[in-house]
Protein backbone atom coordinates (compact mmCIF):
# COMPACT_ATOMS: atom_id res chain seq x y z
CA UNK A 1 -0.15 0.09 -0.05
CA UNK A 2 1.50 3.71 -1.23
CA UNK A 3 -0.77 6.07 0.51
CA UNK A 4 -0.46 10.09 -0.37
CA UNK A 5 -2.24 12.73 1.82
CA UNK A 6 -1.63 16.61 1.62
CA UNK A 7 -3.50 20.02 1.56
CA UNK A 8 -2.57 20.14 -2.57
CA UNK A 9 -1.18 17.90 -4.92
CA UNK A 10 -2.42 14.55 -3.88
CA UNK A 11 -4.19 13.40 -6.90
CA UNK A 12 -1.60 14.30 -9.04
CA UNK A 13 1.33 13.00 -6.94
CA UNK A 14 -1.34 9.40 -6.85
CA UNK A 15 -1.92 9.19 -10.40
CA UNK A 16 1.80 9.64 -11.22
CA UNK A 17 3.14 7.67 -8.86
CA UNK A 18 1.54 4.78 -10.18
CA UNK A 19 2.17 5.40 -13.59
CA UNK A 20 6.32 5.31 -12.30
CA UNK A 21 5.05 1.89 -11.00
CA UNK A 22 3.10 0.91 -13.68
CA UNK A 23 6.33 1.56 -16.14
CA UNK A 24 8.48 -0.01 -13.48
CA UNK A 25 6.55 -3.70 -14.07
CA UNK A 26 4.27 -3.52 -11.16
CA UNK A 27 0.61 -4.49 -11.18
CA UNK A 28 -0.50 -1.37 -9.30
CA UNK A 29 -4.21 -0.25 -8.93
CA UNK A 30 -4.88 3.30 -8.21
CA UNK A 31 -8.24 4.84 -6.27
CA UNK A 32 -8.97 5.71 -2.83
CA UNK A 33 -9.71 9.41 -2.63
CA UNK A 34 -9.80 9.38 -6.90
CA UNK A 35 -11.36 6.72 -8.74
CA UNK A 36 -12.45 3.73 -7.79
CA UNK A 37 -12.43 3.06 -3.82
CA UNK A 38 -10.06 0.90 -2.36
CA UNK A 39 -12.71 -1.43 -1.10
CA UNK A 40 -13.73 -1.90 -4.77
CA UNK A 41 -9.99 -3.13 -5.65
CA UNK A 42 -10.54 -5.95 -3.56
CA UNK A 43 -11.56 -8.20 -6.28
CA UNK A 44 -8.75 -7.29 -8.59
CA UNK A 45 -5.99 -7.65 -5.72
CA UNK A 46 -2.92 -9.96 -5.69
CA UNK A 47 -0.15 -10.72 -3.21
CA UNK A 48 1.83 -8.83 -6.41
CA UNK A 49 -0.61 -5.66 -5.90
CA UNK A 50 1.07 -2.47 -5.13
CA UNK A 51 -2.31 -0.26 -4.50
CA UNK A 52 -1.65 3.48 -4.93
CA UNK A 53 -4.69 5.65 -2.68
CA UNK A 54 -5.39 8.85 -2.04
CA UNK A 55 -6.02 9.39 1.01
CA UNK A 56 -8.24 12.71 2.66
CA UNK A 57 -8.45 13.85 6.13
CA UNK A 58 -11.93 12.40 5.88
CA UNK A 59 -10.86 9.12 5.08
CA UNK A 60 -7.60 9.25 7.93
CA UNK A 61 -10.28 10.55 10.42
CA UNK A 62 -11.73 7.09 10.88
CA UNK A 63 -8.74 4.84 10.44
CA UNK A 64 -7.94 1.60 12.59
CA UNK A 65 -5.78 -0.63 11.18
CA UNK A 66 -4.35 0.95 7.77
CA UNK A 67 -1.02 0.72 7.35
CA UNK A 68 0.38 1.88 4.56
CA UNK A 69 4.17 0.47 3.48
CA UNK A 70 4.74 4.10 1.64
CA UNK A 71 2.98 7.19 3.74
CA UNK A 72 3.61 10.60 1.97
CA UNK A 73 2.72 13.86 3.18
CA UNK A 74 3.23 16.54 0.82
CA UNK A 75 2.56 19.78 1.87
CA UNK A 76 0.17 20.90 4.93
CA UNK A 77 -1.91 24.24 5.20
CA UNK A 78 -5.84 25.25 6.84
CA UNK A 79 -8.26 23.72 4.46
CA UNK A 80 -11.71 21.92 5.39
CA UNK A 81 -12.24 24.60 8.45
CA UNK A 82 -15.80 23.54 7.38
CA UNK A 83 -15.71 20.12 8.53
CA UNK A 84 -12.91 20.11 10.94
CA UNK A 85 -13.33 22.46 13.99
CA UNK A 86 -9.92 23.63 13.73
CA UNK A 87 -6.41 23.51 11.95
CA UNK A 88 -4.95 21.36 15.03
CA UNK A 89 -8.12 19.05 14.87
CA UNK A 90 -7.37 19.18 10.39
CA UNK A 91 -3.92 18.48 11.20
CA UNK A 92 -4.15 15.44 13.72
CA UNK A 93 -6.11 13.82 10.89
CA UNK A 94 -3.58 14.09 8.19
CA UNK A 95 -0.82 13.17 10.84
CA UNK A 96 -2.71 9.58 11.21
CA UNK A 97 -1.30 8.12 7.93
CA UNK A 98 2.10 7.24 9.53
CA UNK A 99 0.08 6.31 12.72
CA UNK A 100 0.21 2.44 12.21
CA UNK A 101 3.69 1.94 10.25
CA UNK A 102 6.60 0.26 11.66
CA UNK A 103 10.33 0.63 11.19
CA UNK A 104 9.94 -1.65 7.57
CA UNK A 105 7.80 0.77 6.48
CA UNK A 106 8.66 4.29 4.94
CA UNK A 107 7.38 8.03 5.21
CA UNK A 108 7.80 10.42 2.66
CA UNK A 109 7.93 13.89 3.56
CA UNK A 110 8.09 17.65 1.75
CA UNK A 111 11.55 18.68 3.60
CA UNK A 112 9.94 22.09 2.18
CA UNK A 113 7.36 22.19 4.22
CA UNK A 114 7.81 22.90 8.00
CA UNK A 115 4.52 21.68 9.11
CA UNK A 116 4.26 18.72 7.70
CA UNK A 117 7.91 17.91 8.89
CA UNK A 118 6.80 18.62 12.20
CA UNK A 119 3.39 16.24 11.53
CA UNK A 120 6.31 13.49 10.60
CA UNK A 121 8.62 13.61 13.48
CA UNK A 122 7.08 10.82 15.40
CA UNK A 123 6.70 8.33 12.38
CA UNK A 124 8.48 5.40 13.49
CA UNK A 125 9.02 4.37 9.74
CA UNK A 126 12.00 5.28 7.42
CA UNK A 127 12.22 8.66 6.31
CA UNK A 128 12.99 9.90 2.96
CA UNK A 129 12.57 13.27 2.34
CA UNK A 130 12.07 15.08 -1.12
CA UNK A 131 12.41 19.14 -1.73
CA UNK A 132 13.33 21.48 -5.15
CA UNK A 133 15.88 22.41 -2.83
CA UNK A 134 18.93 21.57 -4.62
CA UNK A 135 21.13 21.74 -1.10
CA UNK A 136 18.93 18.94 0.58
CA UNK A 137 21.83 17.16 2.05
CA UNK A 138 20.12 13.87 1.72
CA UNK A 139 16.61 12.46 -0.15
CA UNK A 140 15.16 13.38 -3.23
CA UNK A 141 15.85 16.85 -4.88
CA UNK A 142 16.54 18.71 -7.78
CA UNK A 143 20.11 19.23 -9.15
CA UNK A 144 20.89 21.22 -12.44
CA UNK A 145 18.13 19.92 -14.89
CA UNK A 146 17.80 16.29 -12.99
CA UNK A 147 15.46 15.06 -10.26
CA UNK A 148 18.20 12.97 -8.09
CA UNK A 149 18.43 11.16 -5.51
CA UNK A 150 21.49 12.42 -2.97
CA UNK A 151 22.62 10.00 -0.70
CA UNK A 152 26.26 8.99 0.75
CA UNK A 153 27.32 7.89 -2.05
CA UNK A 154 26.74 10.94 -4.27
CA UNK A 155 23.50 11.72 -6.79
CA UNK A 156 21.41 9.19 -8.85
CA UNK A 157 20.19 10.71 -11.65
CA UNK A 158 15.64 9.67 -11.98
CA UNK A 159 14.21 11.52 -13.94
CA UNK A 160 15.28 14.67 -16.30
CA UNK A 161 13.35 18.05 -15.94
CA UNK A 162 12.77 18.21 -20.08
CA UNK A 163 10.52 15.28 -19.49
CA UNK A 164 7.87 16.90 -17.54
CA UNK A 165 5.04 18.62 -19.55
CA UNK A 166 2.90 19.92 -16.71
CA UNK A 167 2.14 23.48 -16.82
CA UNK A 168 2.83 24.85 -13.32
CA UNK A 169 6.07 25.10 -12.02
CA UNK A 170 5.14 23.96 -8.17
CA UNK A 171 3.51 20.91 -9.96
CA UNK A 172 7.51 19.71 -10.37
CA UNK A 173 7.26 18.91 -6.28
CA UNK A 174 4.72 16.39 -7.15
CA UNK A 175 6.73 14.90 -10.44
CA UNK A 176 9.41 14.69 -6.98
CA UNK A 177 7.27 13.08 -4.66
CA UNK A 178 6.40 10.22 -7.11
CA UNK A 179 10.13 9.54 -7.82
CA UNK A 180 10.65 9.33 -4.31
CA UNK A 181 8.12 6.82 -4.33
CA UNK A 182 9.31 4.88 -6.97
CA UNK A 183 12.09 4.75 -5.99
CA UNK A 184 11.76 2.87 -2.72
CA UNK A 185 9.86 0.90 -4.79
CA UNK A 186 13.07 -0.01 -7.32
CA UNK A 187 11.82 1.11 -10.17
CA UNK A 188 14.32 2.44 -12.94
CA UNK A 189 15.31 5.98 -13.78
CA UNK A 190 13.97 4.80 -17.46
CA UNK A 191 10.80 3.80 -16.43
CA UNK A 192 9.95 6.34 -14.31
CA UNK A 193 10.84 9.10 -17.10
CA UNK A 194 8.85 7.16 -19.89
CA UNK A 195 5.95 7.50 -17.30
CA UNK A 196 6.62 11.12 -17.16
CA UNK A 197 7.09 11.99 -20.51
CA UNK A 198 3.44 10.24 -20.98
CA UNK A 199 2.09 12.22 -18.33
CA UNK A 200 0.29 15.64 -19.24
CA UNK A 201 -1.33 16.21 -16.32
CA UNK A 202 -4.60 15.62 -14.58
CA UNK A 203 -8.26 17.07 -15.91
CA UNK A 204 -9.16 20.76 -13.88
CA UNK A 205 -5.64 20.48 -12.75
CA UNK A 206 -4.09 23.80 -14.50
CA UNK A 207 -5.68 22.03 -18.12
CA UNK A 208 -5.02 24.05 -20.79
CA UNK A 209 -8.92 24.93 -21.77
CA UNK A 210 -8.26 26.80 -24.78
CA UNK A 211 -7.17 30.16 -26.60
CA UNK A 212 -9.50 33.16 -27.59
CA UNK A 213 -8.43 36.36 -29.75
CA UNK A 214 -4.88 35.35 -28.54
CA UNK A 215 -5.75 35.00 -24.29
CA UNK A 216 -5.41 31.81 -22.85
CA UNK A 217 -7.87 30.15 -20.52
CA UNK A 218 -6.69 27.60 -17.98
CA UNK A 219 -8.70 25.62 -15.52
CA UNK A 220 -7.66 24.71 -11.93
CA UNK A 221 -10.96 23.82 -10.66
CA UNK A 222 -9.02 21.43 -8.50
CA UNK A 223 -7.51 24.65 -6.40
CA UNK A 224 -10.53 24.35 -3.68
CA UNK A 225 -8.06 25.39 -1.24
CA UNK A 226 -6.43 29.48 -0.57
CA UNK A 227 -3.04 27.49 -0.69
CA UNK A 228 -3.71 25.85 -3.87
CA UNK A 229 -4.94 28.72 -5.51
CA UNK A 230 -2.01 31.09 -4.71
CA UNK A 231 0.10 28.22 -6.45
CA UNK A 232 -1.88 28.56 -9.64
CA UNK A 233 -1.49 32.22 -9.40
CA UNK A 234 1.94 32.50 -8.59
CA UNK A 235 2.22 30.17 -12.39
CA UNK A 236 1.17 32.95 -14.46
CA UNK A 237 3.10 36.37 -15.10
CA UNK A 238 1.85 40.25 -14.84
CA UNK A 239 -1.83 40.62 -16.23
CA UNK A 240 -3.31 37.22 -15.21
CA UNK A 241 -7.27 37.37 -14.40
CA UNK A 242 -8.41 34.89 -11.89
CA UNK A 243 -11.87 33.63 -12.09
CA UNK A 244 -12.14 32.89 -7.78
CA UNK A 245 -14.98 32.09 -5.49
CA UNK A 246 -17.73 29.02 -4.78
CA UNK A 247 -18.37 28.20 -0.92
CA UNK A 248 -15.45 29.16 1.38
CA UNK A 249 -13.89 26.41 3.43
CA UNK A 250 -11.62 28.50 5.83
CA UNK A 251 -7.98 29.74 5.81
CA UNK A 252 -7.17 33.25 4.99
CA UNK A 253 -7.68 35.08 1.56
CA UNK A 254 -5.80 37.63 2.45
CA UNK A 255 -2.68 35.12 1.21
CA UNK A 256 -3.57 35.60 -1.90
CA UNK A 257 -3.26 39.78 -1.99
CA UNK A 258 0.04 39.82 -2.64
CA UNK A 259 0.74 37.54 -5.36
CA UNK A 260 -2.14 39.03 -7.05
CA UNK A 261 -0.79 42.24 -6.47
CA UNK A 262 2.81 41.79 -7.68
CA UNK A 263 1.08 40.32 -11.01
CA UNK A 264 -0.68 43.11 -11.07
CA UNK A 265 -3.99 40.71 -11.86
CA UNK A 266 -7.46 41.40 -11.98
CA UNK A 267 -10.40 39.14 -10.01
CA UNK A 268 -14.01 37.83 -11.59
CA UNK A 269 -15.74 36.52 -8.22
CA UNK A 270 -18.56 33.92 -8.36
CA UNK A 271 -20.80 32.24 -5.98
CA UNK A 272 -21.26 32.64 -2.42
CA UNK A 273 -17.77 33.78 -1.59
CA UNK A 274 -18.46 37.21 -4.12
CA UNK A 275 -18.73 39.56 -0.85
CA UNK A 276 -15.65 37.80 1.14
CA UNK A 277 -13.31 38.68 -1.95
CA UNK A 278 -14.53 41.86 -2.33
CA UNK A 279 -13.66 42.60 0.99
CA UNK A 280 -10.32 41.22 0.77
CA UNK A 281 -9.30 42.99 -2.42
CA UNK A 282 -11.30 45.24 -2.70
CA UNK A 283 -9.38 48.74 -3.07
CA UNK A 284 -5.76 46.89 -3.68
CA UNK A 285 -7.26 45.62 -6.91
CA UNK A 286 -9.60 45.61 -9.50
CA UNK A 287 -12.63 42.92 -8.62
CA UNK A 288 -16.05 41.95 -11.14
CA UNK A 289 -18.58 40.11 -9.94
CA UNK A 290 -20.58 37.50 -12.05
CA UNK A 291 -23.48 35.40 -11.26
CA UNK A 292 -22.40 32.43 -13.10
CA UNK A 293 -19.85 30.49 -15.37
CA UNK A 294 -20.62 32.27 -18.62
CA UNK A 295 -21.33 35.54 -17.10
CA UNK A 296 -17.50 34.93 -15.77
CA UNK A 297 -15.69 33.93 -18.37
CA UNK A 298 -17.02 36.46 -20.70
CA UNK A 299 -16.55 39.10 -18.32
CA UNK A 300 -12.75 38.39 -17.84
CA UNK A 301 -12.27 38.06 -21.77
CA UNK A 302 -13.36 41.30 -21.65
CA UNK A 303 -10.93 42.86 -19.49
CA UNK A 304 -8.05 40.26 -21.02
CA UNK A 305 -5.64 41.38 -23.26
CA UNK A 306 -3.82 39.10 -26.09
CA UNK A 307 -1.64 37.28 -24.87
CA UNK A 308 -2.78 37.65 -20.98
CA UNK A 309 -4.08 34.85 -19.33
CA UNK A 310 -7.55 33.97 -17.75
CA UNK A 311 -7.13 30.98 -14.71
CA UNK A 312 -10.33 29.21 -13.20
CA UNK A 313 -8.15 29.19 -9.47
CA UNK A 314 -11.30 29.16 -7.41
CA UNK A 315 -9.79 29.09 -3.61
CA UNK A 316 -13.42 27.62 -2.73
CA UNK A 317 -15.61 24.67 -3.05
CA UNK A 318 -17.82 24.11 -5.89
CA UNK A 319 -21.30 23.01 -3.64
CA UNK A 320 -22.82 26.60 -4.29
CA UNK A 321 -23.20 26.13 -7.49
CA UNK A 322 -21.91 22.98 -9.06
CA UNK A 323 -21.86 19.10 -8.67
CA UNK A 324 -18.31 18.95 -7.70
CA UNK A 325 -14.95 20.51 -8.53
CA UNK A 326 -15.35 18.26 -11.74
CA UNK A 327 -19.00 19.79 -13.00
CA UNK A 328 -17.76 23.03 -12.42
CA UNK A 329 -14.31 22.91 -14.38
CA UNK A 330 -16.26 21.05 -17.48
CA UNK A 331 -18.53 24.21 -17.19
CA UNK A 332 -15.72 26.13 -17.59
CA UNK A 333 -14.68 24.85 -20.24
CA UNK A 334 -17.55 24.32 -22.04
CA UNK A 335 -18.20 28.50 -21.76
CA UNK A 336 -14.57 28.86 -23.01
CA UNK A 337 -15.74 26.64 -26.10
CA UNK A 338 -18.58 28.39 -26.46
CA UNK A 339 -16.55 31.61 -26.41
CA UNK A 340 -14.48 30.56 -29.47
CA UNK A 341 -17.16 29.56 -31.44
CA UNK A 342 -18.67 33.14 -31.19
CA UNK A 343 -15.14 34.67 -31.37
CA UNK A 344 -14.77 32.71 -34.53
CA UNK A 345 -18.29 33.77 -36.15
CA UNK A 346 -17.42 37.63 -34.95
CA UNK A 347 -14.39 37.55 -37.12
CA UNK A 348 -16.04 36.03 -40.18
CA UNK A 349 -18.50 38.57 -40.18
């Protein structure tokens, strides 16, 4: 069992780790909080199967005997405070991923995240750190143009950075974490690289949705919390237009002010969180409100100049307007497609 948790990046890391293991010749079943539930995989499981599961705080808070061979903690920041009574309660649920491990197991922890490091302090398992810091003394990190495993014997190249096809630079950290899992499982670097080369990212995670009149539209509907939205915003340059809002889950929208201001960004607010967004950014940034996704896409396009990017980075849950984040992302892409058609007709007239 490989179990992966964290506030952001779980689905990307889980999917890519599964593909690396499969590329290395293992029988792999991926699921948990994405795809099939773990309980639905029983009939297809064998003694040789490696289950790679995304584990949410909602699932981890109720475990009893769940014991991953490799437990991964990607990062930690406040989230789901509409469900958990406090940040401490949320952290306690996440920390349980290490609870039943022994010295024969592995804890893979993000050395760049002090909160995650502290949460892994009591883990009994062997620890393997991963980091984007090239000065990490030991673990899986980036060195020059490679992801490497650094140890007492030097550096072992794992994956060239040139093989990564993901849009956001912060997603490289998810590739590093997946490579750490694959290294523990004995997957050769060539197999890791093949998997990365064939992986274009997940739907609704910094997914290119289209280009209209030189304006790029990007769907990051999975950015359902403040930290994930911050990472999305930081993936783009000056003049980015951010469609943001929904049902707020807690945290501080003020954390987004600095990255938005640095990019001279414009915000298009949707959903229940519109008053919170205006309160957080009004006066410092241009904030426009839209009643639905169709209006938001068209408002963003009207505000954009050729070469600009419009990104759906909600920082909120979707349940005020949509069934889930996936429906929100699909509706966003549908509206971009309609806008493209309208644009073509206008140009032809």
